[in-house]
């Protein structure tokens, strides 16, 4: 039986018109807010910043906790800072500032490295409840919301860039009846993501068996990819950039973002 909802992207892009119609100037290439970091690290936001530039973003703001300001401001002058809590993560009092920066942006990338900080997670839950535009979650931030997805149920414009184990955690906590397992075939994964994203508002990007898999509203694409251990931050930054530049066609945008 042919899966009409499954498209396979090879060396040639599936949607060449999208590649040719990309913004040609920074003024029209969109604005992205990247949020993450903790007193001990800002590697994920810094990498996301670099990759968004490579993806062709117009303007970027990076919002970090103020616990990083002394060590980061000189080596990463593009960063801006919001209040931090005693654990070194973003504090609950950062909500107004976070919403203000998000209002400037066309999309937000929650890039990770927040640490296991319940106050920061609560802050991001409040933010996602008040902000309705595009949000991309990856790494440990995505992991937190895979464990407690109730805050995002019914929310549109939400993209998870996650490993297969995180996808299984998300499905389990949504009480979805089928299991995403590491030994499943690519065909089975595609069929399940077709069902999962038809029933849930979330967009998904994951990797399995040498493929990067995109699933949006029941449509699924697969693109050959190396089995890299470190892929989520780069993939999320490119996906967030393409998505905000072509917001009316998320499936086509996210699939095209994999063409490098």
C-alpha atoms as a PDB file:
ATOM      1  CA  UNK A   1       0.000   0.000   0.000  1.00  0.00           C
ATOM      2  CA  UNK A   2       1.361   3.427  -0.986  1.00  0.00           C
ATOM      3  CA  UNK A   3       1.720   6.003   1.769  1.00  0.00           C
ATOM      4  CA  UNK A   4       0.598   9.126  -0.087  1.00  0.00           C
ATOM      5  CA  UNK A   5       1.483  11.244   2.962  1.00  0.00           C
ATOM      6  CA  UNK A   6       5.176  10.192   2.805  1.00  0.00           C
ATOM      7  CA  UNK A   7       7.637  12.144   0.655  1.00  0.00           C
ATOM      8  CA  UNK A   8      11.311  11.216   0.294  1.00  0.00           C
ATOM      9  CA  UNK A   9      13.874  13.954  -0.212  1.00  0.00           C
ATOM     10  CA  UNK A  10      17.081  12.893  -1.927  1.00  0.00           C
ATOM     11  CA  UNK A  11      19.920  14.974  -3.321  1.00  0.00           C
ATOM     12  CA  UNK A  12      17.407  17.176  -5.121  1.00  0.00           C
ATOM     13  CA  UNK A  13      15.125  19.306  -2.912  1.00  0.00           C
ATOM     14  CA  UNK A  14      11.480  18.325  -2.765  1.00  0.00           C
ATOM     15  CA  UNK A  15      10.354  21.945  -2.937  1.00  0.00           C
ATOM     16  CA  UNK A  16      12.800  23.829  -5.205  1.00  0.00           C
ATOM     17  CA  UNK A  17      10.483  26.843  -5.525  1.00  0.00           C
ATOM     18  CA  UNK A  18      10.951  27.457  -1.808  1.00  0.00           C
ATOM     19  CA  UNK A  19      14.726  27.505  -2.239  1.00  0.00           C
ATOM     20  CA  UNK A  20      14.542  29.990  -5.092  1.00  0.00           C
ATOM     21  CA  UNK A  21      12.119  32.333  -3.348  1.00  0.00           C
ATOM     22  CA  UNK A  22      14.062  32.793  -0.116  1.00  0.00           C
ATOM     23  CA  UNK A  23      14.561  36.362   1.209  1.00  0.00           C
ATOM     24  CA  UNK A  24      17.469  38.115  -0.465  1.00  0.00           C
ATOM     25  CA  UNK A  25      18.156  40.797   2.156  1.00  0.00           C
ATOM     26  CA  UNK A  26      18.562  40.748   5.926  1.00  0.00           C
ATOM     27  CA  UNK A  27      15.691  43.202   6.250  1.00  0.00           C
ATOM     28  CA  UNK A  28      13.281  40.614   4.831  1.00  0.00           C
ATOM     29  CA  UNK A  29      14.891  37.449   6.237  1.00  0.00           C
ATOM     30  CA  UNK A  30      13.096  37.441   9.577  1.00  0.00           C
ATOM     31  CA  UNK A  31      13.877  37.884  13.264  1.00  0.00           C
ATOM     32  CA  UNK A  32      14.645  35.017  15.630  1.00  0.00           C
ATOM     33  CA  UNK A  33      14.877  35.033  19.424  1.00  0.00           C
ATOM     34  CA  UNK A  34      17.087  32.302  20.915  1.00  0.00           C
ATOM     35  CA  UNK A  35      16.600  31.501  24.609  1.00  0.00           C
ATOM     36  CA  UNK A  36      18.631  29.201  26.840  1.00  0.00           C
ATOM     37  CA  UNK A  37      21.740  28.883  28.911  1.00  0.00           C
ATOM     38  CA  UNK A  38      22.582  28.394  32.563  1.00  0.00           C
ATOM     39  CA  UNK A  39      25.335  29.651  34.859  1.00  0.00           C
ATOM     40  CA  UNK A  40      27.527  26.695  33.840  1.00  0.00           C
ATOM     41  CA  UNK A  41      27.079  26.775  30.053  1.00  0.00           C
ATOM     42  CA  UNK A  42      25.721  28.669  27.060  1.00  0.00           C
ATOM     43  CA  UNK A  43      26.941  26.232  24.386  1.00  0.00           C
ATOM     44  CA  UNK A  44      23.499  25.473  22.942  1.00  0.00           C
ATOM     45  CA  UNK A  45      22.398  29.121  22.491  1.00  0.00           C
ATOM     46  CA  UNK A  46      25.797  30.016  21.034  1.00  0.00           C
ATOM     47  CA  UNK A  47      25.672  27.146  18.546  1.00  0.00           C
ATOM     48  CA  UNK A  48      22.071  28.003  17.651  1.00  0.00           C
ATOM     49  CA  UNK A  49      23.128  31.593  16.989  1.00  0.00           C
ATOM     50  CA  UNK A  50      25.876  30.456  14.613  1.00  0.00           C
ATOM     51  CA  UNK A  51      23.646  27.975  12.806  1.00  0.00           C
ATOM     52  CA  UNK A  52      20.806  30.467  12.401  1.00  0.00           C
ATOM     53  CA  UNK A  53      23.286  32.769  10.686  1.00  0.00           C
ATOM     54  CA  UNK A  54      24.306  29.959   8.354  1.00  0.00           C
ATOM     55  CA  UNK A  55      20.635  29.244   7.677  1.00  0.00           C
ATOM     56  CA  UNK A  56      20.128  32.814   6.465  1.00  0.00           C
ATOM     57  CA  UNK A  57      18.307  34.522   9.325  1.00  0.00           C
ATOM     58  CA  UNK A  58      17.986  38.288   9.100  1.00  0.00           C
ATOM     59  CA  UNK A  59      18.316  39.327  12.748  1.00  0.00           C
ATOM     60  CA  UNK A  60      18.948  37.381  15.960  1.00  0.00           C
ATOM     61  CA  UNK A  61      18.657  38.129  19.647  1.00  0.00           C
ATOM     62  CA  UNK A  62      20.050  35.700  22.226  1.00  0.00           C
ATOM     63  CA  UNK A  63      18.567  35.880  25.714  1.00  0.00           C
ATOM     64  CA  UNK A  64      20.626  34.340  28.528  1.00  0.00           C
ATOM     65  CA  UNK A  65      20.334  34.396  32.340  1.00  0.00           C
ATOM     66  CA  UNK A  66      22.212  37.243  34.018  1.00  0.00           C
ATOM     67  CA  UNK A  67      24.324  34.654  35.873  1.00  0.00           C
ATOM     68  CA  UNK A  68      26.335  34.420  32.631  1.00  0.00           C
ATOM     69  CA  UNK A  69      26.798  38.134  32.074  1.00  0.00           C
ATOM     70  CA  UNK A  70      30.258  38.536  33.603  1.00  0.00           C
ATOM     71  CA  UNK A  71      31.761  35.600  31.730  1.00  0.00           C
ATOM     72  CA  UNK A  72      29.878  35.895  28.432  1.00  0.00           C
ATOM     73  CA  UNK A  73      29.323  39.569  27.610  1.00  0.00           C
ATOM     74  CA  UNK A  74      32.875  40.095  26.321  1.00  0.00           C
ATOM     75  CA  UNK A  75      33.146  36.883  24.282  1.00  0.00           C
ATOM     76  CA  UNK A  76      29.540  36.941  23.042  1.00  0.00           C
ATOM     77  CA  UNK A  77      28.558  40.612  22.655  1.00  0.00           C
ATOM     78  CA  UNK A  78      25.357  39.706  20.784  1.00  0.00           C
ATOM     79  CA  UNK A  79      23.847  38.265  23.976  1.00  0.00           C
ATOM     80  CA  UNK A  80      21.257  40.023  26.114  1.00  0.00           C
ATOM     81  CA  UNK A  81      20.475  39.087  29.711  1.00  0.00           C
ATOM     82  CA  UNK A  82      17.407  38.568  31.871  1.00  0.00           C
ATOM     83  CA  UNK A  83      17.165  37.978  35.633  1.00  0.00           C
ATOM     84  CA  UNK A  84      18.519  34.679  36.908  1.00  0.00           C
ATOM     85  CA  UNK A  85      17.669  32.694  40.017  1.00  0.00           C
ATOM     86  CA  UNK A  86      20.115  31.434  42.673  1.00  0.00           C
ATOM     87  CA  UNK A  87      20.582  28.184  40.695  1.00  0.00           C
ATOM     88  CA  UNK A  88      21.854  30.113  37.679  1.00  0.00           C
ATOM     89  CA  UNK A  89      18.890  29.669  35.335  1.00  0.00           C
ATOM     90  CA  UNK A  90      16.332  32.169  34.113  1.00  0.00           C
ATOM     91  CA  UNK A  91      14.173  33.401  36.998  1.00  0.00           C
ATOM     92  CA  UNK A  92      10.391  33.647  37.044  1.00  0.00           C
ATOM     93  CA  UNK A  93      10.795  37.433  37.135  1.00  0.00           C
ATOM     94  CA  UNK A  94      12.215  37.256  33.589  1.00  0.00           C
ATOM     95  CA  UNK A  95       8.758  36.650  32.086  1.00  0.00           C
ATOM     96  CA  UNK A  96       7.980  40.233  31.106  1.00  0.00           C
ATOM     97  CA  UNK A  97      11.399  40.656  29.505  1.00  0.00           C
ATOM     98  CA  UNK A  98      11.066  37.333  27.678  1.00  0.00           C
ATOM     99  CA  UNK A  99       7.652  38.315  26.308  1.00  0.00           C
ATOM    100  CA  UNK A 100       8.999  41.701  25.248  1.00  0.00           C
ATOM    101  CA  UNK A 101      11.851  40.133  23.259  1.00  0.00           C
ATOM    102  CA  UNK A 102       9.463  37.561  21.788  1.00  0.00           C
ATOM    103  CA  UNK A 103       7.146  40.338  20.591  1.00  0.00           C
ATOM    104  CA  UNK A 104      10.066  41.693  18.544  1.00  0.00           C
ATOM    105  CA  UNK A 105      10.723  38.308  16.924  1.00  0.00           C
ATOM    106  CA  UNK A 106       8.950  36.326  14.222  1.00  0.00           C
ATOM    107  CA  UNK A 107       9.780  33.095  16.042  1.00  0.00           C
ATOM    108  CA  UNK A 108      11.441  31.785  19.201  1.00  0.00           C
ATOM    109  CA  UNK A 109      13.964  28.961  19.539  1.00  0.00           C
ATOM    110  CA  UNK A 110      14.228  27.462  23.031  1.00  0.00           C
ATOM    111  CA  UNK A 111      17.682  26.061  22.428  1.00  0.00           C
ATOM    112  CA  UNK A 112      18.520  24.291  25.671  1.00  0.00           C
ATOM    113  CA  UNK A 113      21.234  24.150  28.338  1.00  0.00           C
ATOM    114  CA  UNK A 114      18.827  25.423  31.012  1.00  0.00           C
ATOM    115  CA  UNK A 115      19.857  22.855  33.631  1.00  0.00           C
ATOM    116  CA  UNK A 116      17.398  20.896  35.755  1.00  0.00           C
ATOM    117  CA  UNK A 117      15.781  24.009  37.144  1.00  0.00           C
ATOM    118  CA  UNK A 118      12.102  23.872  38.105  1.00  0.00           C
ATOM    119  CA  UNK A 119      11.768  27.656  38.290  1.00  0.00           C
ATOM    120  CA  UNK A 120      13.065  28.062  34.734  1.00  0.00           C
ATOM    121  CA  UNK A 121      10.701  25.348  33.492  1.00  0.00           C
ATOM    122  CA  UNK A 122       7.784  27.098  35.220  1.00  0.00           C
ATOM    123  CA  UNK A 123       8.850  30.368  33.590  1.00  0.00           C
ATOM    124  CA  UNK A 124       8.844  28.749  30.144  1.00  0.00           C
ATOM    125  CA  UNK A 125       5.448  27.149  30.818  1.00  0.00           C
ATOM    126  CA  UNK A 126       4.063  30.609  31.625  1.00  0.00           C
ATOM    127  CA  UNK A 127       5.703  32.042  28.533  1.00  0.00           C
ATOM    128  CA  UNK A 128       4.292  29.365  26.232  1.00  0.00           C
ATOM    129  CA  UNK A 129       0.850  29.905  27.713  1.00  0.00           C
ATOM    130  CA  UNK A 130       0.978  33.599  26.815  1.00  0.00           C
ATOM    131  CA  UNK A 131       2.873  33.491  23.509  1.00  0.00           C
ATOM    132  CA  UNK A 132       1.012  32.073  20.507  1.00  0.00           C
ATOM    133  CA  UNK A 133       3.561  32.494  17.708  1.00  0.00           C
ATOM    134  CA  UNK A 134       6.153  30.003  16.417  1.00  0.00           C
ATOM    135  CA  UNK A 135       8.207  28.203  19.042  1.00  0.00           C
ATOM    136  CA  UNK A 136      10.857  25.545  18.417  1.00  0.00           C
ATOM    137  CA  UNK A 137      11.976  23.386  21.374  1.00  0.00           C
ATOM    138  CA  UNK A 138      15.017  21.142  21.494  1.00  0.00           C
ATOM    139  CA  UNK A 139      17.539  19.457  23.787  1.00  0.00           C
ATOM    140  CA  UNK A 140      16.833  19.642  27.540  1.00  0.00           C
ATOM    141  CA  UNK A 141      14.041  22.219  27.166  1.00  0.00           C
ATOM    142  CA  UNK A 142      12.216  19.854  24.823  1.00  0.00           C
ATOM    143  CA  UNK A 143      12.887  17.024  27.252  1.00  0.00           C
ATOM    144  CA  UNK A 144      11.168  18.923  30.064  1.00  0.00           C
ATOM    145  CA  UNK A 145       8.054  19.455  27.945  1.00  0.00           C
ATOM    146  CA  UNK A 146       8.072  15.883  26.671  1.00  0.00           C
ATOM    147  CA  UNK A 147       7.761  14.933  30.339  1.00  0.00           C
ATOM    148  CA  UNK A 148       4.935  17.435  30.981  1.00  0.00           C
ATOM    149  CA  UNK A 149       3.231  18.163  27.643  1.00  0.00           C
ATOM    150  CA  UNK A 150      -0.102  19.152  29.190  1.00  0.00           C
ATOM    151  CA  UNK A 151       0.974  22.795  29.120  1.00  0.00           C
ATOM    152  CA  UNK A 152       1.271  22.588  25.324  1.00  0.00           C
ATOM    153  CA  UNK A 153      -1.785  20.511  24.453  1.00  0.00           C
ATOM    154  CA  UNK A 154      -3.893  22.486  22.006  1.00  0.00           C
ATOM    155  CA  UNK A 155      -1.113  25.002  21.343  1.00  0.00           C
ATOM    156  CA  UNK A 156      -0.450  25.649  17.645  1.00  0.00           C
ATOM    157  CA  UNK A 157       2.899  26.722  16.174  1.00  0.00           C
ATOM    158  CA  UNK A 158       4.935  24.283  18.283  1.00  0.00           C
ATOM    159  CA  UNK A 159       7.875  22.340  16.842  1.00  0.00           C
ATOM    160  CA  UNK A 160       9.799  19.638  18.732  1.00  0.00           C
ATOM    161  CA  UNK A 161      13.279  18.782  17.423  1.00  0.00           C
ATOM    162  CA  UNK A 162      13.912  15.666  19.465  1.00  0.00           C
ATOM    163  CA  UNK A 163      15.608  12.286  19.606  1.00  0.00           C
ATOM    164  CA  UNK A 164      13.493   9.161  19.253  1.00  0.00           C
ATOM    165  CA  UNK A 165      13.640   8.463  23.004  1.00  0.00           C
ATOM    166  CA  UNK A 166      12.259  11.937  23.697  1.00  0.00           C
ATOM    167  CA  UNK A 167       9.499  11.327  21.154  1.00  0.00           C
ATOM    168  CA  UNK A 168       8.553   8.163  23.040  1.00  0.00           C
ATOM    169  CA  UNK A 169       8.477  10.157  26.298  1.00  0.00           C
ATOM    170  CA  UNK A 170       6.208  12.737  24.679  1.00  0.00           C
ATOM    171  CA  UNK A 171       3.831  10.074  23.347  1.00  0.00           C
ATOM    172  CA  UNK A 172       3.747   8.229  26.679  1.00  0.00           C
ATOM    173  CA  UNK A 173       2.908  11.357  28.637  1.00  0.00           C
ATOM    174  CA  UNK A 174       0.179  12.231  26.157  1.00  0.00           C
ATOM    175  CA  UNK A 175      -1.157   8.696  26.761  1.00  0.00           C
ATOM    176  CA  UNK A 176      -0.836   7.886  23.094  1.00  0.00           C
ATOM    177  CA  UNK A 177      -1.440   4.114  22.668  1.00  0.00           C
ATOM    178  CA  UNK A 178       1.552   3.183  20.483  1.00  0.00           C
ATOM    179  CA  UNK A 179       5.269   3.099  21.342  1.00  0.00           C
ATOM    180  CA  UNK A 180       8.104   4.692  19.389  1.00  0.00           C
ATOM    181  CA  UNK A 181      10.999   2.230  19.748  1.00  0.00           C
ATOM    182  CA  UNK A 182      14.591   2.190  18.566  1.00  0.00           C
ATOM    183  CA  UNK A 183      14.129  -1.124  16.737  1.00  0.00           C
ATOM    184  CA  UNK A 184      11.147  -0.019  14.650  1.00  0.00           C
ATOM    185  CA  UNK A 185      11.432   0.184  10.871  1.00  0.00           C
ATOM    186  CA  UNK A 186      11.465   3.526   9.093  1.00  0.00           C
ATOM    187  CA  UNK A 187       8.120   2.658   7.489  1.00  0.00           C
ATOM    188  CA  UNK A 188       6.550   2.025  10.899  1.00  0.00           C
ATOM    189  CA  UNK A 189       7.904   5.307  12.253  1.00  0.00           C
ATOM    190  CA  UNK A 190       6.501   7.195   9.268  1.00  0.00           C
ATOM    191  CA  UNK A 191       3.092   5.574   9.702  1.00  0.00           C
ATOM    192  CA  UNK A 192       3.044   6.350  13.413  1.00  0.00           C
ATOM    193  CA  UNK A 193       4.125   9.972  12.931  1.00  0.00           C
ATOM    194  CA  UNK A 194       1.420  10.360  10.318  1.00  0.00           C
ATOM    195  CA  UNK A 195      -1.124   9.282  12.929  1.00  0.00           C
ATOM    196  CA  UNK A 196       0.492  11.143  15.834  1.00  0.00           C
ATOM    197  CA  UNK A 197       0.687  14.524  14.089  1.00  0.00           C
ATOM    198  CA  UNK A 198      -2.795  14.095  12.641  1.00  0.00           C
ATOM    199  CA  UNK A 199      -4.129  13.772  16.194  1.00  0.00           C
ATOM    200  CA  UNK A 200      -1.862  16.351  17.886  1.00  0.00           C
ATOM    201  CA  UNK A 201      -0.934  19.928  16.998  1.00  0.00           C
ATOM    202  CA  UNK A 202       2.789  19.383  17.480  1.00  0.00           C
ATOM    203  CA  UNK A 203       5.221  19.402  14.587  1.00  0.00           C
ATOM    204  CA  UNK A 204       8.027  16.857  14.935  1.00  0.00           C
ATOM    205  CA  UNK A 205      11.578  16.518  13.616  1.00  0.00           C
ATOM    206  CA  UNK A 206      13.491  13.411  14.682  1.00  0.00           C
ATOM    207  CA  UNK A 207      16.192  11.072  13.375  1.00  0.00           C
ATOM    208  CA  UNK A 208      16.053   7.327  12.794  1.00  0.00           C
ATOM    209  CA  UNK A 209      18.034   4.834  10.747  1.00  0.00           C
ATOM    210  CA  UNK A 210      20.116   7.441   8.961  1.00  0.00           C
ATOM    211  CA  UNK A 211      17.165   9.677   8.128  1.00  0.00           C
ATOM    212  CA  UNK A 212      15.875  12.978   9.431  1.00  0.00           C
ATOM    213  CA  UNK A 213      12.104  12.748   9.634  1.00  0.00           C
ATOM    214  CA  UNK A 214       9.733  15.723   9.493  1.00  0.00           C
ATOM    215  CA  UNK A 215       6.055  15.334  10.443  1.00  0.00           C
ATOM    216  CA  UNK A 216       3.471  18.117  10.186  1.00  0.00           C
ATOM    217  CA  UNK A 217      -0.291  17.634  10.354  1.00  0.00           C
ATOM    218  CA  UNK A 218      -0.059  14.058   9.104  1.00  0.00           C
ATOM    219  CA  UNK A 219       2.412  14.778   6.294  1.00  0.00           C
ATOM    220  CA  UNK A 220       5.825  13.117   6.645  1.00  0.00           C
ATOM    221  CA  UNK A 221       9.119  13.560   4.814  1.00  0.00           C
ATOM    222  CA  UNK A 222      12.397  11.695   5.172  1.00  0.00           C
ATOM    223  CA  UNK A 223      15.820  13.036   4.228  1.00  0.00           C
ATOM    224  CA  UNK A 224      19.009  10.987   4.302  1.00  0.00           C
ATOM    225  CA  UNK A 225      21.264  12.180   7.118  1.00  0.00           C
ATOM    226  CA  UNK A 226      24.468  10.999   8.774  1.00  0.00           C
ATOM    227  CA  UNK A 227      24.057   9.299  12.139  1.00  0.00           C
ATOM    228  CA  UNK A 228      25.482  12.232  14.043  1.00  0.00           C
ATOM    229  CA  UNK A 229      25.282  12.257  17.827  1.00  0.00           C
ATOM    230  CA  UNK A 230      25.074  16.062  17.891  1.00  0.00           C
ATOM    231  CA  UNK A 231      22.392  17.205  15.443  1.00  0.00           C
ATOM    232  CA  UNK A 232      19.471  18.720  17.307  1.00  0.00           C
ATOM    233  CA  UNK A 233      20.737  22.288  17.850  1.00  0.00           C
ATOM    234  CA  UNK A 234      21.845  22.749  14.246  1.00  0.00           C
ATOM    235  CA  UNK A 235      18.675  21.182  12.872  1.00  0.00           C
ATOM    236  CA  UNK A 236      16.479  23.271  15.183  1.00  0.00           C
ATOM    237  CA  UNK A 237      18.182  26.536  14.214  1.00  0.00           C
ATOM    238  CA  UNK A 238      17.812  25.862  10.485  1.00  0.00           C
ATOM    239  CA  UNK A 239      14.221  24.680  10.943  1.00  0.00           C
ATOM    240  CA  UNK A 240      13.226  27.722  13.010  1.00  0.00           C
ATOM    241  CA  UNK A 241      14.780  30.039  10.417  1.00  0.00           C
ATOM    242  CA  UNK A 242      13.079  28.471   7.408  1.00  0.00           C
ATOM    243  CA  UNK A 243       9.756  28.210   9.225  1.00  0.00           C
ATOM    244  CA  UNK A 244       9.568  31.879  10.183  1.00  0.00           C
ATOM    245  CA  UNK A 245      10.558  32.887   6.648  1.00  0.00           C
ATOM    246  CA  UNK A 246       7.757  30.805   5.077  1.00  0.00           C
ATOM    247  CA  UNK A 247       5.164  30.438   7.860  1.00  0.00           C
ATOM    248  CA  UNK A 248       2.208  29.486   5.652  1.00  0.00           C
ATOM    249  CA  UNK A 249       3.797  26.203   4.489  1.00  0.00           C
ATOM    250  CA  UNK A 250       5.407  24.645   7.590  1.00  0.00           C
ATOM    251  CA  UNK A 251       5.813  21.132   6.161  1.00  0.00           C
ATOM    252  CA  UNK A 252       7.562  22.414   3.054  1.00  0.00           C
ATOM    253  CA  UNK A 253       9.663  24.873   5.096  1.00  0.00           C
ATOM    254  CA  UNK A 254      10.857  22.340   7.658  1.00  0.00           C
ATOM    255  CA  UNK A 255      11.636  19.746   4.974  1.00  0.00           C
ATOM    256  CA  UNK A 256      13.557  22.305   2.915  1.00  0.00           C
ATOM    257  CA  UNK A 257      15.560  23.401   5.958  1.00  0.00           C
ATOM    258  CA  UNK A 258      17.350  20.040   5.799  1.00  0.00           C
ATOM    259  CA  UNK A 259      18.884  20.840   2.412  1.00  0.00           C
ATOM    260  CA  UNK A 260      22.367  22.170   3.154  1.00  0.00           C
END
